[in-house]
Amino acid sequence: MMTSPPEPEPVTGPENAQKETNNKDKAKKEKKEKARKSPRKLKTEGVTDKELEPEEPKIKKKVAKAKEIEKTQAKRKVKPLRVKAKIIRQAGRATKATGKVRNIGVEVAPPLETCTDPFCPFHGTLSVRGQIINGVVVSSRMDKTAIIQREIKRYIPKFERYEKRTHRYAVHNPSCMNAQRGDLVRIMECRPLSKSKSFVIIEKS
């Protein structure tokens, strides 16, 4: 019997390989274009009421949460530092013009002079709290800063004697106080104004 010769295998040359890759690329591009053209539907768009019924409470909760977040973000909008500095300056000018003195919550004689220093507890916006210390001004060379020294006696039970100890504090010196070397002053704790300053002069005698 005569047998038919085997069919020749398709020749895969460089041209055929390029055609296959081109066809694949075209198919991918067509898919991408279809995906772009087809608008993405939201959960609530183009859906019937019956389909939405089980998801309605979830959607409502999400909407309520989004509204709450927007409200909190609107409330928490912090003013930039420049605006804050401007407000502080305006407050100082207003106190100077009206001559009003803030009540700092301590029985202290307020200064006779006025100033526009924002870090003044009487004419600015600085709040004071914490320790109250009496001391002597040792140095007032720096701008609006003074060094105050106080002496403490500490009892040593072993020797039954007292020893002298000195403490120094860097203190904010407002222009209305203008404490000079040798003045007896009273200082009070406040928020940190610099690396070393966390006290302010509240009374000068």
N, C-alpha and C. Protein backbone atom coordinates (compact mmCIF):
# COMPACT_ATOMS: atom_id res chain seq x y z
N MET A 1 0.85 -1.19 0.00
CA MET A 1 0.00 0.00 0.00
C MET A 1 0.88 1.22 0.00
N MET A 2 0.31 2.22 -0.65
CA MET A 2 1.05 3.50 -0.75
C MET A 2 0.69 4.36 0.46
N THR A 3 1.67 4.83 1.13
CA THR A 3 1.44 5.73 2.28
C THR A 3 1.70 7.17 1.88
N SER A 4 0.78 8.05 2.36
CA SER A 4 0.92 9.48 2.01
C SER A 4 2.11 10.06 2.75
N PRO A 5 2.84 10.92 2.09
CA PRO A 5 4.02 11.51 2.76
C PRO A 5 3.59 12.41 3.92
N PRO A 6 4.38 12.52 4.95
CA PRO A 6 4.01 13.38 6.12
C PRO A 6 3.93 14.86 5.74
N GLU A 7 2.95 15.51 6.37
CA GLU A 7 2.75 16.94 6.06
C GLU A 7 3.96 17.74 6.55
N PRO A 8 4.37 18.71 5.76
CA PRO A 8 5.56 19.50 6.19
C PRO A 8 5.20 20.41 7.37
N GLU A 9 6.09 20.47 8.33
CA GLU A 9 5.87 21.30 9.51
C GLU A 9 5.96 22.79 9.15
N PRO A 10 5.12 23.64 9.80
CA PRO A 10 5.16 25.06 9.46
C PRO A 10 6.51 25.67 9.87
N VAL A 11 7.03 26.40 8.93
CA VAL A 11 8.35 27.02 9.16
C VAL A 11 8.16 28.25 10.04
N THR A 12 8.84 28.28 11.14
CA THR A 12 8.76 29.42 12.06
C THR A 12 10.02 30.26 11.91
N GLY A 13 9.94 31.19 11.01
CA GLY A 13 11.07 32.09 10.79
C GLY A 13 10.92 33.37 11.61
N PRO A 14 11.83 34.28 11.43
CA PRO A 14 11.74 35.55 12.17
C PRO A 14 10.51 36.37 11.80
N GLU A 15 10.06 36.27 10.52
CA GLU A 15 8.87 37.03 10.10
C GLU A 15 7.62 36.52 10.82
N ASN A 16 7.45 35.18 10.89
CA ASN A 16 6.28 34.61 11.59
C ASN A 16 6.29 34.97 13.08
N ALA A 17 7.46 34.95 13.69
CA ALA A 17 7.55 35.29 15.12
C ALA A 17 7.15 36.74 15.35
N GLN A 18 7.57 37.62 14.44
CA GLN A 18 7.19 39.03 14.56
C GLN A 18 5.69 39.22 14.42
N LYS A 19 5.09 38.48 13.50
CA LYS A 19 3.63 38.57 13.31
C LYS A 19 2.89 38.14 14.57
N GLU A 20 3.35 37.07 15.18
CA GLU A 20 2.70 36.58 16.40
C GLU A 20 2.78 37.61 17.53
N THR A 21 3.96 38.19 17.68
CA THR A 21 4.12 39.22 18.74
C THR A 21 3.27 40.44 18.47
N ASN A 22 3.18 40.80 17.17
CA ASN A 22 2.34 41.95 16.80
C ASN A 22 0.88 41.68 17.10
N ASN A 23 0.43 40.47 16.80
CA ASN A 23 -0.96 40.10 17.07
C ASN A 23 -1.25 40.15 18.57
N LYS A 24 -0.30 39.65 19.38
CA LYS A 24 -0.48 39.67 20.84
C LYS A 24 -0.56 41.11 21.35
N ASP A 25 0.33 41.96 20.81
CA ASP A 25 0.32 43.38 21.23
C ASP A 25 -0.99 44.04 20.88
N LYS A 26 -1.48 43.76 19.69
CA LYS A 26 -2.77 44.34 19.26
C LYS A 26 -3.90 43.90 20.18
N ALA A 27 -3.91 42.63 20.54
CA ALA A 27 -4.96 42.11 21.43
C ALA A 27 -4.90 42.80 22.79
N LYS A 28 -3.66 42.99 23.32
CA LYS A 28 -3.51 43.68 24.61
C LYS A 28 -4.01 45.11 24.54
N LYS A 29 -3.64 45.82 23.43
CA LYS A 29 -4.08 47.21 23.26
C LYS A 29 -5.59 47.31 23.18
N GLU A 30 -6.22 46.37 22.44
CA GLU A 30 -7.69 46.37 22.33
C GLU A 30 -8.34 46.19 23.70
N LYS A 31 -7.78 45.30 24.52
CA LYS A 31 -8.33 45.09 25.87
C LYS A 31 -8.22 46.35 26.71
N LYS A 32 -7.06 47.01 26.63
CA LYS A 32 -6.86 48.24 27.40
C LYS A 32 -7.82 49.34 26.98
N GLU A 33 -8.01 49.48 25.64
CA GLU A 33 -8.94 50.50 25.14
C GLU A 33 -10.36 50.22 25.60
N LYS A 34 -10.76 48.97 25.59
CA LYS A 34 -12.10 48.61 26.06
C LYS A 34 -12.27 48.95 27.54
N ALA A 35 -11.21 48.63 28.31
CA ALA A 35 -11.27 48.93 29.75
C ALA A 35 -11.35 50.44 30.00
N ARG A 36 -10.65 51.22 29.15
CA ARG A 36 -10.70 52.68 29.32
C ARG A 36 -12.06 53.24 28.94
N LYS A 37 -12.58 52.74 27.82
CA LYS A 37 -13.87 53.25 27.34
C LYS A 37 -15.02 52.89 28.27
N SER A 38 -14.97 51.72 28.86
CA SER A 38 -16.06 51.31 29.75
C SER A 38 -15.95 52.09 31.06
N PRO A 39 -16.92 52.95 31.39
CA PRO A 39 -16.83 53.75 32.63
C PRO A 39 -16.95 52.87 33.87
N ARG A 40 -16.15 53.21 34.86
CA ARG A 40 -16.21 52.46 36.11
C ARG A 40 -17.43 52.89 36.90
N LYS A 41 -18.28 51.96 37.17
CA LYS A 41 -19.52 52.26 37.88
C LYS A 41 -19.27 52.18 39.39
N LEU A 42 -19.80 53.18 40.09
CA LEU A 42 -19.74 53.14 41.54
C LEU A 42 -20.73 52.13 42.08
N LYS A 43 -20.61 51.87 43.36
CA LYS A 43 -21.52 50.88 43.96
C LYS A 43 -22.96 51.33 43.86
N THR A 44 -23.17 52.66 43.92
CA THR A 44 -24.55 53.16 43.93
C THR A 44 -25.06 53.51 42.54
N GLU A 45 -24.17 53.53 41.52
CA GLU A 45 -24.60 53.91 40.18
C GLU A 45 -25.02 52.68 39.38
N GLY A 46 -26.14 52.82 38.68
CA GLY A 46 -26.61 51.76 37.81
C GLY A 46 -26.96 50.47 38.53
N VAL A 47 -27.37 50.58 39.76
CA VAL A 47 -27.75 49.40 40.54
C VAL A 47 -29.19 49.58 41.01
N THR A 48 -29.95 48.55 40.95
CA THR A 48 -31.36 48.62 41.33
C THR A 48 -31.50 48.70 42.85
N ASP A 49 -32.70 49.13 43.28
CA ASP A 49 -32.95 49.26 44.71
C ASP A 49 -32.88 47.92 45.42
N LYS A 50 -33.33 46.87 44.74
CA LYS A 50 -33.32 45.54 45.36
C LYS A 50 -31.88 45.08 45.63
N GLU A 51 -30.98 45.40 44.67
CA GLU A 51 -29.58 45.01 44.86
C GLU A 51 -28.92 45.83 45.96
N LEU A 52 -29.40 47.07 46.11
CA LEU A 52 -28.79 47.97 47.10
C LEU A 52 -29.27 47.69 48.52
N GLU A 53 -30.41 47.06 48.66
CA GLU A 53 -31.02 46.90 49.98
C GLU A 53 -30.06 46.31 51.02
N PRO A 54 -29.35 45.23 50.72
CA PRO A 54 -28.44 44.70 51.75
C PRO A 54 -27.22 45.60 52.01
N GLU A 55 -26.80 46.41 51.01
CA GLU A 55 -25.59 47.24 51.15
C GLU A 55 -25.90 48.66 51.63
N GLU A 56 -27.17 49.04 51.70
CA GLU A 56 -27.54 50.41 52.07
C GLU A 56 -26.99 50.84 53.44
N PRO A 57 -27.17 50.03 54.49
CA PRO A 57 -26.64 50.46 55.79
C PRO A 57 -25.12 50.66 55.79
N LYS A 58 -24.39 49.79 55.06
CA LYS A 58 -22.93 49.94 54.99
C LYS A 58 -22.57 51.25 54.30
N ILE A 59 -23.25 51.56 53.19
CA ILE A 59 -22.97 52.79 52.43
C ILE A 59 -23.29 54.01 53.28
N LYS A 60 -24.40 53.95 53.98
CA LYS A 60 -24.78 55.09 54.84
C LYS A 60 -23.74 55.33 55.93
N LYS A 61 -23.26 54.25 56.53
CA LYS A 61 -22.22 54.38 57.56
C LYS A 61 -20.96 55.00 57.00
N LYS A 62 -20.56 54.57 55.79
CA LYS A 62 -19.36 55.11 55.16
C LYS A 62 -19.51 56.60 54.88
N VAL A 63 -20.69 56.99 54.39
CA VAL A 63 -20.95 58.41 54.09
C VAL A 63 -20.90 59.23 55.37
N ALA A 64 -21.51 58.71 56.45
CA ALA A 64 -21.50 59.44 57.74
C ALA A 64 -20.08 59.59 58.26
N LYS A 65 -19.27 58.52 58.14
CA LYS A 65 -17.87 58.60 58.59
C LYS A 65 -17.09 59.64 57.81
N ALA A 66 -17.31 59.66 56.48
CA ALA A 66 -16.61 60.62 55.62
C ALA A 66 -16.97 62.05 56.00
N LYS A 67 -18.25 62.29 56.31
CA LYS A 67 -18.67 63.64 56.71
C LYS A 67 -18.03 64.05 58.04
N GLU A 68 -17.98 63.11 59.00
CA GLU A 68 -17.35 63.40 60.29
C GLU A 68 -15.87 63.74 60.13
N ILE A 69 -15.18 62.97 59.27
CA ILE A 69 -13.76 63.23 59.03
C ILE A 69 -13.55 64.61 58.42
N GLU A 70 -14.42 64.99 57.47
CA GLU A 70 -14.31 66.32 56.86
C GLU A 70 -14.49 67.42 57.90
N LYS A 71 -15.48 67.23 58.80
CA LYS A 71 -15.73 68.23 59.84
C LYS A 71 -14.52 68.37 60.77
N THR A 72 -13.96 67.24 61.20
CA THR A 72 -12.81 67.29 62.12
C THR A 72 -11.60 67.93 61.44
N GLN A 73 -11.40 67.62 60.16
CA GLN A 73 -10.28 68.23 59.43
C GLN A 73 -10.46 69.74 59.30
N ALA A 74 -11.71 70.17 59.06
CA ALA A 74 -11.96 71.61 58.96
C ALA A 74 -11.72 72.31 60.29
N LYS A 75 -12.06 71.64 61.40
CA LYS A 75 -11.83 72.24 62.72
C LYS A 75 -10.35 72.29 63.07
N ARG A 76 -9.61 71.26 62.66
CA ARG A 76 -8.20 71.15 63.04
C ARG A 76 -7.25 71.95 62.17
N LYS A 77 -7.78 72.78 61.28
CA LYS A 77 -6.90 73.58 60.42
C LYS A 77 -6.07 74.52 61.28
N VAL A 78 -4.76 74.25 61.35
CA VAL A 78 -3.86 75.04 62.20
C VAL A 78 -3.33 76.22 61.40
N LYS A 79 -3.32 77.37 62.04
CA LYS A 79 -2.80 78.56 61.38
C LYS A 79 -1.28 78.47 61.30
N PRO A 80 -0.70 78.95 60.18
CA PRO A 80 0.76 78.92 60.06
C PRO A 80 1.44 79.81 61.09
N LEU A 81 2.76 79.60 61.26
CA LEU A 81 3.50 80.32 62.30
C LEU A 81 3.50 81.82 62.06
N ARG A 82 3.52 82.25 60.79
CA ARG A 82 3.53 83.68 60.50
C ARG A 82 2.25 84.34 60.99
N VAL A 83 1.13 83.66 60.74
CA VAL A 83 -0.16 84.21 61.17
C VAL A 83 -0.22 84.27 62.69
N LYS A 84 0.30 83.22 63.37
CA LYS A 84 0.32 83.21 64.84
C LYS A 84 1.14 84.37 65.38
N ALA A 85 2.32 84.59 64.77
CA ALA A 85 3.18 85.69 65.22
C ALA A 85 2.48 87.03 65.04
N LYS A 86 1.75 87.16 63.93
CA LYS A 86 1.01 88.40 63.66
C LYS A 86 -0.05 88.64 64.73
N ILE A 87 -0.78 87.58 65.09
CA ILE A 87 -1.84 87.68 66.11
C ILE A 87 -1.23 88.10 67.46
N ILE A 88 -0.07 87.49 67.78
CA ILE A 88 0.60 87.81 69.05
C ILE A 88 1.02 89.27 69.08
N ARG A 89 1.57 89.76 67.95
CA ARG A 89 1.99 91.16 67.89
C ARG A 89 0.79 92.09 68.06
N GLN A 90 -0.31 91.75 67.37
CA GLN A 90 -1.52 92.58 67.47
C GLN A 90 -2.04 92.62 68.90
N ALA A 91 -1.98 91.47 69.59
CA ALA A 91 -2.44 91.41 70.99
C ALA A 91 -1.57 92.32 71.86
N GLY A 92 -0.25 92.29 71.61
CA GLY A 92 0.65 93.14 72.38
C GLY A 92 0.38 94.62 72.13
N ARG A 93 0.14 94.98 70.86
CA ARG A 93 -0.15 96.39 70.55
C ARG A 93 -1.45 96.84 71.19
N ALA A 94 -2.44 95.95 71.19
CA ALA A 94 -3.74 96.30 71.77
C ALA A 94 -3.60 96.57 73.27
N THR A 95 -2.82 95.73 73.96
CA THR A 95 -2.63 95.93 75.40
C THR A 95 -1.87 97.23 75.67
N LYS A 96 -0.93 97.56 74.77
CA LYS A 96 -0.18 98.80 74.96
C LYS A 96 -1.08 100.01 74.76
N ALA A 97 -1.96 99.92 73.75
CA ALA A 97 -2.84 101.05 73.46
C ALA A 97 -3.87 101.26 74.57
N THR A 98 -4.44 100.16 75.05
CA THR A 98 -5.48 100.28 76.08
C THR A 98 -4.90 100.38 77.48
N GLY A 99 -3.65 99.92 77.66
CA GLY A 99 -3.01 99.94 78.97
C GLY A 99 -3.52 98.86 79.90
N LYS A 100 -4.17 97.83 79.36
CA LYS A 100 -4.70 96.74 80.18
C LYS A 100 -3.59 95.78 80.57
N VAL A 101 -3.75 95.17 81.75
CA VAL A 101 -2.78 94.19 82.25
C VAL A 101 -3.53 92.89 82.51
N ARG A 102 -2.97 91.79 82.03
CA ARG A 102 -3.60 90.48 82.24
C ARG A 102 -3.43 90.02 83.68
N ASN A 103 -4.43 89.26 84.14
CA ASN A 103 -4.34 88.63 85.45
C ASN A 103 -3.67 87.28 85.28
N ILE A 104 -2.48 87.12 85.87
CA ILE A 104 -1.71 85.89 85.68
C ILE A 104 -2.04 84.83 86.72
N GLY A 105 -2.93 85.14 87.66
CA GLY A 105 -3.36 84.15 88.65
C GLY A 105 -2.48 84.08 89.88
N VAL A 106 -1.57 85.03 90.04
CA VAL A 106 -0.68 85.07 91.21
C VAL A 106 -0.75 86.48 91.79
N GLU A 107 -0.75 86.57 93.12
CA GLU A 107 -0.81 87.88 93.77
C GLU A 107 0.55 88.56 93.68
N VAL A 108 0.68 89.35 92.62
CA VAL A 108 1.95 90.01 92.31
C VAL A 108 1.64 91.43 91.87
N ALA A 109 2.52 92.37 92.22
CA ALA A 109 2.34 93.75 91.78
C ALA A 109 2.69 93.84 90.29
N PRO A 110 1.73 94.23 89.43
CA PRO A 110 2.02 94.31 87.99
C PRO A 110 3.00 95.44 87.68
N PRO A 111 3.72 95.35 86.57
CA PRO A 111 4.68 96.40 86.23
C PRO A 111 3.98 97.70 85.87
N LEU A 112 4.65 98.83 86.15
CA LEU A 112 4.08 100.14 85.85
C LEU A 112 4.16 100.46 84.35
N GLU A 113 5.22 99.98 83.70
CA GLU A 113 5.40 100.23 82.27
C GLU A 113 4.66 99.18 81.45
N THR A 114 4.44 99.51 80.18
CA THR A 114 3.81 98.57 79.25
C THR A 114 4.82 98.15 78.20
N CYS A 115 4.56 97.02 77.56
CA CYS A 115 5.45 96.53 76.50
C CYS A 115 4.64 95.77 75.46
N THR A 116 5.29 95.47 74.33
CA THR A 116 4.66 94.71 73.24
C THR A 116 5.29 93.33 73.09
N ASP A 117 5.95 92.86 74.15
CA ASP A 117 6.62 91.56 74.11
C ASP A 117 5.57 90.45 74.15
N PRO A 118 5.52 89.55 73.13
CA PRO A 118 4.52 88.48 73.16
C PRO A 118 4.74 87.48 74.29
N PHE A 119 5.98 87.40 74.81
CA PHE A 119 6.30 86.46 75.89
C PHE A 119 6.25 87.13 77.26
N CYS A 120 5.57 88.25 77.35
CA CYS A 120 5.36 88.90 78.65
C CYS A 120 4.08 88.34 79.26
N PRO A 121 4.09 87.88 80.52
CA PRO A 121 2.87 87.31 81.10
C PRO A 121 1.78 88.35 81.34
N PHE A 122 2.14 89.63 81.44
CA PHE A 122 1.17 90.69 81.73
C PHE A 122 0.61 91.34 80.46
N HIS A 123 1.45 91.56 79.45
CA HIS A 123 1.01 92.28 78.24
C HIS A 123 1.01 91.40 76.99
N GLY A 124 1.50 90.17 77.11
CA GLY A 124 1.53 89.25 75.97
C GLY A 124 0.54 88.12 76.12
N THR A 125 0.92 86.97 75.60
CA THR A 125 0.02 85.80 75.63
C THR A 125 0.65 84.60 76.36
N LEU A 126 1.74 84.83 77.08
CA LEU A 126 2.43 83.73 77.77
C LEU A 126 1.72 83.39 79.08
N SER A 127 1.41 82.12 79.26
CA SER A 127 0.78 81.67 80.51
C SER A 127 1.84 81.07 81.42
N VAL A 128 1.67 81.29 82.73
CA VAL A 128 2.66 80.82 83.71
C VAL A 128 2.02 79.77 84.61
N ARG A 129 2.86 78.83 85.10
CA ARG A 129 2.40 77.78 86.00
C ARG A 129 3.60 77.14 86.65
N GLY A 130 3.38 76.45 87.73
CA GLY A 130 4.47 75.69 88.34
C GLY A 130 5.21 76.44 89.43
N GLN A 131 6.53 76.31 89.44
CA GLN A 131 7.37 76.81 90.53
C GLN A 131 7.43 78.34 90.56
N ILE A 132 7.53 78.88 91.77
CA ILE A 132 7.81 80.31 91.98
C ILE A 132 9.08 80.38 92.82
N ILE A 133 10.08 81.12 92.30
CA ILE A 133 11.40 81.16 92.94
C ILE A 133 11.83 82.61 93.11
N ASN A 134 12.46 82.90 94.24
CA ASN A 134 13.04 84.22 94.49
C ASN A 134 14.55 84.13 94.29
N GLY A 135 15.12 85.17 93.66
CA GLY A 135 16.56 85.17 93.41
C GLY A 135 17.09 86.55 93.12
N VAL A 136 18.38 86.60 92.82
CA VAL A 136 19.08 87.85 92.53
C VAL A 136 19.59 87.79 91.09
N VAL A 137 19.47 88.91 90.38
CA VAL A 137 19.96 88.98 89.01
C VAL A 137 21.48 89.09 89.05
N VAL A 138 22.13 88.14 88.38
CA VAL A 138 23.60 88.10 88.32
C VAL A 138 24.10 88.73 87.03
N SER A 139 23.37 88.54 85.95
CA SER A 139 23.76 89.08 84.64
C SER A 139 22.52 89.42 83.84
N SER A 140 22.57 90.56 83.11
CA SER A 140 21.45 90.95 82.24
C SER A 140 21.99 91.49 80.92
N ARG A 141 23.11 90.94 80.46
CA ARG A 141 23.75 91.42 79.23
C ARG A 141 23.00 90.97 77.99
N MET A 142 22.42 89.80 78.04
CA MET A 142 21.74 89.27 76.86
C MET A 142 20.44 90.01 76.59
N ASP A 143 19.97 89.91 75.35
CA ASP A 143 18.74 90.59 74.95
C ASP A 143 17.53 89.85 75.52
N LYS A 144 16.77 90.53 76.38
CA LYS A 144 15.55 89.98 76.99
C LYS A 144 15.80 88.67 77.74
N THR A 145 17.01 88.50 78.25
CA THR A 145 17.35 87.31 79.03
C THR A 145 18.23 87.73 80.20
N ALA A 146 17.97 87.16 81.35
CA ALA A 146 18.75 87.44 82.55
C ALA A 146 19.13 86.13 83.21
N ILE A 147 20.27 86.15 83.94
CA ILE A 147 20.69 84.99 84.72
C ILE A 147 20.42 85.31 86.19
N ILE A 148 19.66 84.42 86.83
CA ILE A 148 19.27 84.64 88.23
C ILE A 148 19.87 83.54 89.09
N GLN A 149 20.33 83.92 90.25
CA GLN A 149 20.99 82.98 91.17
C GLN A 149 20.25 82.96 92.50
N ARG A 150 20.12 81.77 93.07
CA ARG A 150 19.55 81.66 94.41
C ARG A 150 20.40 80.70 95.23
N GLU A 151 20.49 80.95 96.53
CA GLU A 151 21.30 80.14 97.43
C GLU A 151 20.38 79.27 98.29
N ILE A 152 20.83 78.04 98.52
CA ILE A 152 20.06 77.09 99.34
C ILE A 152 21.00 76.49 100.39
N LYS A 153 20.51 76.33 101.60
CA LYS A 153 21.27 75.64 102.64
C LYS A 153 20.76 74.21 102.75
N ARG A 154 21.70 73.26 102.65
CA ARG A 154 21.36 71.83 102.69
C ARG A 154 22.01 71.22 103.92
N TYR A 155 21.20 70.51 104.70
CA TYR A 155 21.70 69.90 105.95
C TYR A 155 22.35 68.55 105.65
N ILE A 156 23.55 68.32 106.21
CA ILE A 156 24.27 67.05 106.07
C ILE A 156 24.24 66.36 107.43
N PRO A 157 23.47 65.29 107.61
CA PRO A 157 23.32 64.65 108.92
C PRO A 157 24.61 64.02 109.46
N LYS A 158 25.51 63.59 108.58
CA LYS A 158 26.75 62.96 109.04
C LYS A 158 27.61 63.94 109.84
N PHE A 159 27.75 65.15 109.31
CA PHE A 159 28.60 66.16 109.97
C PHE A 159 27.80 67.14 110.82
N GLU A 160 26.47 67.02 110.77
CA GLU A 160 25.59 67.92 111.52
C GLU A 160 25.91 69.39 111.20
N ARG A 161 26.07 69.62 109.93
CA ARG A 161 26.36 70.97 109.44
C ARG A 161 25.50 71.26 108.21
N TYR A 162 25.49 72.56 107.84
CA TYR A 162 24.79 72.97 106.62
C TYR A 162 25.83 73.36 105.56
N GLU A 163 25.48 73.08 104.31
CA GLU A 163 26.33 73.52 103.20
C GLU A 163 25.52 74.44 102.28
N LYS A 164 26.21 75.40 101.70
CA LYS A 164 25.57 76.35 100.79
C LYS A 164 25.59 75.78 99.37
N ARG A 165 24.48 75.89 98.72
CA ARG A 165 24.38 75.47 97.32
C ARG A 165 23.76 76.60 96.51
N THR A 166 24.28 76.83 95.33
CA THR A 166 23.75 77.90 94.46
C THR A 166 23.18 77.27 93.19
N HIS A 167 22.07 77.83 92.74
CA HIS A 167 21.45 77.40 91.49
C HIS A 167 21.28 78.62 90.59
N ARG A 168 21.54 78.44 89.31
CA ARG A 168 21.39 79.53 88.34
C ARG A 168 20.31 79.16 87.33
N TYR A 169 19.52 80.15 86.94
CA TYR A 169 18.42 79.96 85.99
C TYR A 169 18.53 81.02 84.89
N ALA A 170 18.39 80.59 83.67
CA ALA A 170 18.24 81.53 82.55
C ALA A 170 16.76 81.89 82.47
N VAL A 171 16.46 83.20 82.51
CA VAL A 171 15.09 83.67 82.68
C VAL A 171 14.77 84.70 81.60
N HIS A 172 13.50 84.69 81.14
CA HIS A 172 13.07 85.72 80.18
C HIS A 172 12.84 87.03 80.93
N ASN A 173 13.42 88.10 80.39
CA ASN A 173 13.36 89.42 81.03
C ASN A 173 12.58 90.37 80.13
N PRO A 174 11.25 90.51 80.32
CA PRO A 174 10.48 91.39 79.45
C PRO A 174 10.93 92.85 79.58
N SER A 175 10.66 93.63 78.52
CA SER A 175 11.11 95.02 78.51
C SER A 175 10.37 95.86 79.55
N CYS A 176 9.16 95.44 79.96
CA CYS A 176 8.43 96.19 80.99
C CYS A 176 9.05 95.98 82.37
N MET A 177 9.73 94.84 82.57
CA MET A 177 10.43 94.59 83.84
C MET A 177 11.82 95.22 83.82
N ASN A 178 12.60 94.90 82.77
CA ASN A 178 13.94 95.45 82.58
C ASN A 178 14.79 95.30 83.86
N ALA A 179 14.88 94.07 84.34
CA ALA A 179 15.66 93.80 85.56
C ALA A 179 17.14 93.92 85.27
N GLN A 180 17.86 94.59 86.16
CA GLN A 180 19.30 94.81 86.02
C GLN A 180 20.05 94.02 87.10
N ARG A 181 21.37 94.00 86.96
CA ARG A 181 22.20 93.23 87.88
C ARG A 181 22.05 93.75 89.31
N GLY A 182 21.84 92.82 90.24
CA GLY A 182 21.68 93.17 91.65
C GLY A 182 20.24 93.29 92.11
N ASP A 183 19.26 93.25 91.18
CA ASP A 183 17.84 93.37 91.55
C ASP A 183 17.33 92.06 92.14
N LEU A 184 16.49 92.19 93.17
CA LEU A 184 15.80 91.01 93.71
C LEU A 184 14.53 90.79 92.89
N VAL A 185 14.36 89.62 92.38
CA VAL A 185 13.22 89.34 91.50
C VAL A 185 12.53 88.04 91.92
N ARG A 186 11.31 87.89 91.41
CA ARG A 186 10.56 86.65 91.59
C ARG A 186 10.28 86.09 90.21
N ILE A 187 10.58 84.83 90.00
CA ILE A 187 10.38 84.20 88.69
C ILE A 187 9.37 83.06 88.82
N MET A 188 8.74 82.75 87.69
CA MET A 188 7.75 81.68 87.68
C MET A 188 7.94 80.83 86.43
N GLU A 189 7.60 79.57 86.57
CA GLU A 189 7.80 78.62 85.47
C GLU A 189 6.80 78.87 84.35
N CYS A 190 7.23 78.63 83.12
CA CYS A 190 6.36 78.76 81.94
C CYS A 190 6.78 77.69 80.93
N ARG A 191 6.19 77.74 79.78
CA ARG A 191 6.57 76.77 78.74
C ARG A 191 8.00 77.08 78.27
N PRO A 192 8.71 76.10 77.70
CA PRO A 192 10.08 76.37 77.25
C PRO A 192 10.10 77.42 76.14
N LEU A 193 10.82 78.50 76.37
CA LEU A 193 10.96 79.57 75.38
C LEU A 193 12.20 79.39 74.52
N SER A 194 13.17 78.65 75.01
CA SER A 194 14.36 78.30 74.24
C SER A 194 14.97 77.04 74.86
N LYS A 195 16.19 76.74 74.45
CA LYS A 195 16.83 75.52 74.96
C LYS A 195 17.04 75.57 76.47
N SER A 196 17.35 76.78 77.00
CA SER A 196 17.68 76.90 78.41
C SER A 196 16.67 77.72 79.22
N LYS A 197 15.72 78.40 78.52
CA LYS A 197 14.78 79.28 79.23
C LYS A 197 13.42 78.63 79.39
N SER A 198 13.01 78.46 80.65
CA SER A 198 11.64 78.01 80.92
C SER A 198 11.09 78.72 82.15
N PHE A 199 11.62 79.91 82.44
CA PHE A 199 11.14 80.76 83.53
C PHE A 199 11.01 82.18 83.00
N VAL A 200 10.13 82.96 83.64
CA VAL A 200 9.94 84.37 83.28
C VAL A 200 9.82 85.20 84.57
N ILE A 201 10.32 86.44 84.50
CA ILE A 201 10.26 87.34 85.66
C ILE A 201 8.83 87.86 85.80
N ILE A 202 8.26 87.73 87.00
CA ILE A 202 6.90 88.21 87.23
C ILE A 202 6.86 89.40 88.22
N GLU A 203 7.96 89.62 88.95
CA GLU A 203 7.96 90.72 89.91
C GLU A 203 9.40 91.17 90.17
N LYS A 204 9.57 92.47 90.30
CA LYS A 204 10.88 93.03 90.60
C LYS A 204 10.75 93.95 91.82
N SER A 205 11.66 93.77 92.78
CA SER A 205 11.58 94.61 93.98
C SER A 205 12.86 95.45 94.14
